[in-house]
Amino acid sequence: MMRIDKIIYTFIFFIFSCGDEKDIITKQISIESEIVEVYLLSQLNDSRGFCLDVIGYKNSADVKKGIQAHTCYSSQGQISVDQGFDEASIALNKFFISHFNVCLVADKIKESASVRLNNCDDTENQKFILQNDGKIQPSSNLSLCLTASENYREGGGGNPVNLIRSLSLEICNNNFSSRQTWGTRSAK
């Protein structure tokens, strides 16, 4: 199994000169982007923490089944492909999972809306801001926050067993900060 730790972005800029000259100048800039996990800052009831996770198991996860908050796999020493987000994309307000070539998307930009994964298309429903205070908010409605559910269930593996929480957009509320405050980190 090949593990991708970094994505290298290459941008080519074309500069057209004024006047009669037809010269094209190209400049190539490469930016390395790490793969990071997006995790709740509060561990809640799992000392390994909760990370955004494609439903399924690692390489065989199924993006059509959606996304959830799941026990973080980084405690195993690396970020799993089903929990790995492109750090540079997050800075551009896109939560992109490069291994599966999908982005986080809200079904609607309203309270209690579900979130899922889909092909990246730069629509408003795919634009999320990771704020300095840890809130993940749709850029078109900053009163909403990505929220892990209060309730949890046991997953199908792990020792101790992995835990799962569903995700939705909810009104940002300090009383829910333990389920609405996120961060990113590379493998431990």
Protein backbone atom coordinates (compact mmCIF):
# COMPACT_ATOMS: atom_id res chain seq x y z
CA MET A 1 0.00 0.00 0.00
CA MET A 2 1.44 3.36 -1.01
CA ARG A 3 1.15 6.13 1.57
CA ILE A 4 0.92 9.72 0.45
CA ASP A 5 2.22 12.21 3.03
CA LYS A 6 2.47 15.24 0.81
CA ILE A 7 0.91 16.55 -2.34
CA ILE A 8 2.95 18.84 -4.52
CA TYR A 9 1.01 21.56 -6.30
CA THR A 10 2.46 23.08 -9.41
CA PHE A 11 1.15 26.38 -10.68
CA ILE A 12 2.13 27.79 -14.04
CA PHE A 13 1.56 31.48 -14.58
CA PHE A 14 1.36 32.98 -18.05
CA ILE A 15 2.35 36.60 -18.39
CA PHE A 16 1.52 38.30 -21.64
CA SER A 17 3.58 41.32 -22.59
CA CYS A 18 2.07 44.54 -23.87
CA GLY A 19 2.56 45.89 -27.35
CA ASP A 20 3.49 43.96 -30.44
CA GLU A 21 5.58 41.34 -28.66
CA LYS A 22 4.06 37.90 -28.43
CA ASP A 23 6.41 36.48 -25.79
CA ILE A 24 4.97 34.26 -23.11
CA ILE A 25 6.87 34.00 -19.86
CA THR A 26 6.15 31.03 -17.64
CA LYS A 27 7.10 30.65 -14.03
CA GLN A 28 6.64 27.44 -12.13
CA ILE A 29 6.07 27.48 -8.38
CA SER A 30 5.77 24.26 -6.40
CA ILE A 31 4.03 24.16 -3.04
CA GLU A 32 4.14 21.07 -0.86
CA SER A 33 0.98 20.27 1.02
CA GLU A 34 0.83 17.82 3.86
CA ILE A 35 -1.91 15.32 4.45
CA VAL A 36 -3.51 16.11 7.80
CA GLU A 37 -6.32 14.76 9.87
CA VAL A 38 -9.15 17.02 10.97
CA TYR A 39 -9.96 16.23 14.59
CA LEU A 40 -12.15 17.48 17.42
CA LEU A 41 -10.03 19.33 19.97
CA SER A 42 -12.05 17.69 22.75
CA GLN A 43 -11.50 13.94 23.01
CA LEU A 44 -15.03 13.54 24.40
CA ASN A 45 -15.35 9.90 25.44
CA ASP A 46 -12.45 8.45 23.40
CA SER A 47 -8.84 9.12 24.45
CA ARG A 48 -7.77 8.62 20.80
CA GLY A 49 -10.01 11.51 19.76
CA PHE A 50 -12.50 11.89 16.90
CA CYS A 51 -11.50 12.66 13.29
CA LEU A 52 -13.44 13.36 10.12
CA ASP A 53 -13.59 9.97 8.44
CA VAL A 54 -14.97 8.40 5.25
CA ILE A 55 -17.46 5.67 6.18
CA GLY A 56 -15.91 2.25 5.65
CA TYR A 57 -12.42 0.98 6.38
CA LYS A 58 -9.32 2.77 5.15
CA ASN A 59 -8.67 1.95 1.43
CA SER A 60 -12.02 0.21 1.06
CA ALA A 61 -14.01 3.14 2.51
CA ASP A 62 -16.98 4.14 0.36
CA VAL A 63 -17.38 7.87 -0.26
CA LYS A 64 -21.00 7.27 -1.34
CA LYS A 65 -21.78 6.20 2.24
CA GLY A 66 -20.66 9.59 3.57
CA ILE A 67 -18.51 11.09 6.28
CA GLN A 68 -18.57 10.84 10.05
CA ALA A 69 -16.59 11.65 13.19
CA HIS A 70 -14.69 8.43 14.00
CA THR A 71 -11.94 7.40 16.37
CA CYS A 72 -8.70 8.86 14.98
CA TYR A 73 -6.34 6.32 13.43
CA SER A 74 -3.24 8.48 13.94
CA SER A 75 -2.76 6.70 17.26
CA GLN A 76 -1.53 3.83 15.01
CA GLY A 77 1.37 6.01 13.86
CA GLN A 78 0.12 7.46 10.58
CA ILE A 79 -2.86 9.20 9.05
CA SER A 80 -5.19 6.79 7.31
CA VAL A 81 -6.28 7.49 3.73
CA ASP A 82 -9.92 7.73 4.85
CA GLN A 83 -9.02 10.46 7.37
CA GLY A 84 -6.41 12.33 5.32
CA PHE A 85 -7.23 15.85 4.13
CA ASP A 86 -5.08 18.08 1.95
CA GLU A 87 -3.79 20.90 4.16
CA ALA A 88 -3.36 23.44 1.33
CA SER A 89 -6.96 22.90 0.21
CA ILE A 90 -8.24 23.59 3.73
CA ALA A 91 -6.44 26.94 3.58
CA LEU A 92 -8.43 27.59 0.37
CA ASN A 93 -11.74 26.74 2.12
CA LYS A 94 -12.05 23.28 0.61
CA PHE A 95 -11.94 20.05 2.64
CA PHE A 96 -10.41 17.74 0.02
CA ILE A 97 -9.54 14.06 0.56
CA SER A 98 -6.97 13.46 -2.16
CA HIS A 99 -6.92 9.66 -1.91
CA PHE A 100 -10.58 9.50 -2.92
CA ASN A 101 -10.61 12.75 -4.93
CA VAL A 102 -13.68 14.10 -3.09
CA CYS A 103 -14.64 17.17 -1.07
CA LEU A 104 -16.83 17.80 1.95
CA VAL A 105 -20.22 19.18 0.90
CA ALA A 106 -23.32 20.28 2.82
CA ASP A 107 -26.65 19.01 1.53
CA LYS A 108 -28.06 22.47 2.34
CA ILE A 109 -26.69 25.51 4.10
CA LYS A 110 -29.14 25.45 6.98
CA GLU A 111 -29.43 24.18 10.53
CA SER A 112 -29.46 20.37 10.93
CA ALA A 113 -28.29 19.84 7.34
CA SER A 114 -26.26 16.73 6.65
CA VAL A 115 -22.75 16.75 5.23
CA ARG A 116 -21.39 14.21 2.78
CA LEU A 117 -18.65 13.74 0.19
CA ASN A 118 -18.83 14.45 -3.51
CA ASN A 119 -16.69 15.32 -6.50
CA CYS A 120 -15.10 18.71 -6.00
CA ASP A 121 -16.88 21.40 -8.00
CA ASP A 122 -16.28 24.65 -6.07
CA THR A 123 -19.98 25.25 -5.39
CA GLU A 124 -21.03 27.27 -2.33
CA ASN A 125 -22.03 24.06 -0.52
CA GLN A 126 -18.37 22.91 -0.67
CA LYS A 127 -16.81 26.08 0.74
CA PHE A 128 -15.95 25.68 4.42
CA ILE A 129 -13.74 27.93 6.50
CA LEU A 130 -11.58 26.53 9.30
CA GLN A 131 -11.61 29.56 11.59
CA ASN A 132 -8.76 30.47 13.95
CA ASP A 133 -10.99 29.51 16.87
CA GLY A 134 -11.48 25.98 15.44
CA LYS A 135 -14.97 26.35 14.02
CA ILE A 136 -15.58 24.82 10.59
CA GLN A 137 -18.24 26.98 8.98
CA PRO A 138 -19.86 27.16 5.55
CA SER A 139 -18.54 30.38 4.03
CA SER A 140 -22.05 31.44 3.02
CA ASN A 141 -23.48 31.19 6.58
CA LEU A 142 -21.11 31.87 9.47
CA SER A 143 -23.83 31.21 12.06
CA LEU A 144 -23.49 27.47 11.32
CA CYS A 145 -20.76 25.11 12.53
CA LEU A 146 -19.79 21.57 11.60
CA THR A 147 -20.94 19.61 14.64
CA ALA A 148 -20.35 16.06 15.87
CA SER A 149 -23.45 14.52 17.40
CA GLU A 150 -23.91 14.25 21.15
CA ASN A 151 -24.74 10.56 20.77
CA TYR A 152 -22.21 7.97 19.64
CA ARG A 153 -22.18 4.34 18.66
CA GLU A 154 -19.57 1.62 18.55
CA GLY A 155 -17.83 0.85 15.28
CA GLY A 156 -16.88 -2.52 13.89
CA GLY A 157 -13.30 -2.79 15.12
CA GLY A 158 -10.46 -1.47 17.19
CA ASN A 159 -9.14 -2.29 20.63
CA PRO A 160 -10.73 -0.65 22.47
CA VAL A 161 -13.61 -0.53 20.04
CA ASN A 162 -13.72 2.53 17.76
CA LEU A 163 -16.47 5.07 18.32
CA ILE A 164 -18.56 6.95 15.75
CA ARG A 165 -20.56 10.18 15.84
CA SER A 166 -22.66 11.59 13.00
CA LEU A 167 -22.02 15.07 11.59
CA SER A 168 -24.32 17.96 10.72
CA LEU A 169 -24.40 21.72 10.46
CA GLU A 170 -25.77 23.30 13.63
CA ILE A 171 -26.01 26.82 15.01
CA CYS A 172 -22.64 27.71 16.54
CA ASN A 173 -23.04 27.64 20.31
CA ASN A 174 -20.44 27.86 23.07
CA ASN A 175 -22.38 25.16 24.95
CA PHE A 176 -21.50 22.76 22.10
CA SER A 177 -17.88 23.86 21.68
CA SER A 178 -16.57 20.39 22.61
CA ARG A 179 -18.36 19.07 19.51
CA GLN A 180 -17.79 22.13 17.27
CA THR A 181 -14.10 22.95 17.73
CA TRP A 182 -11.71 21.30 15.28
CA GLY A 183 -8.03 21.33 14.48
CA THR A 184 -5.63 19.77 12.00
CA ARG A 185 -2.48 17.78 12.66
CA SER A 186 0.00 15.64 10.80
CA ALA A 187 0.87 12.11 11.89
CA LYS A 188 2.26 11.76 15.40
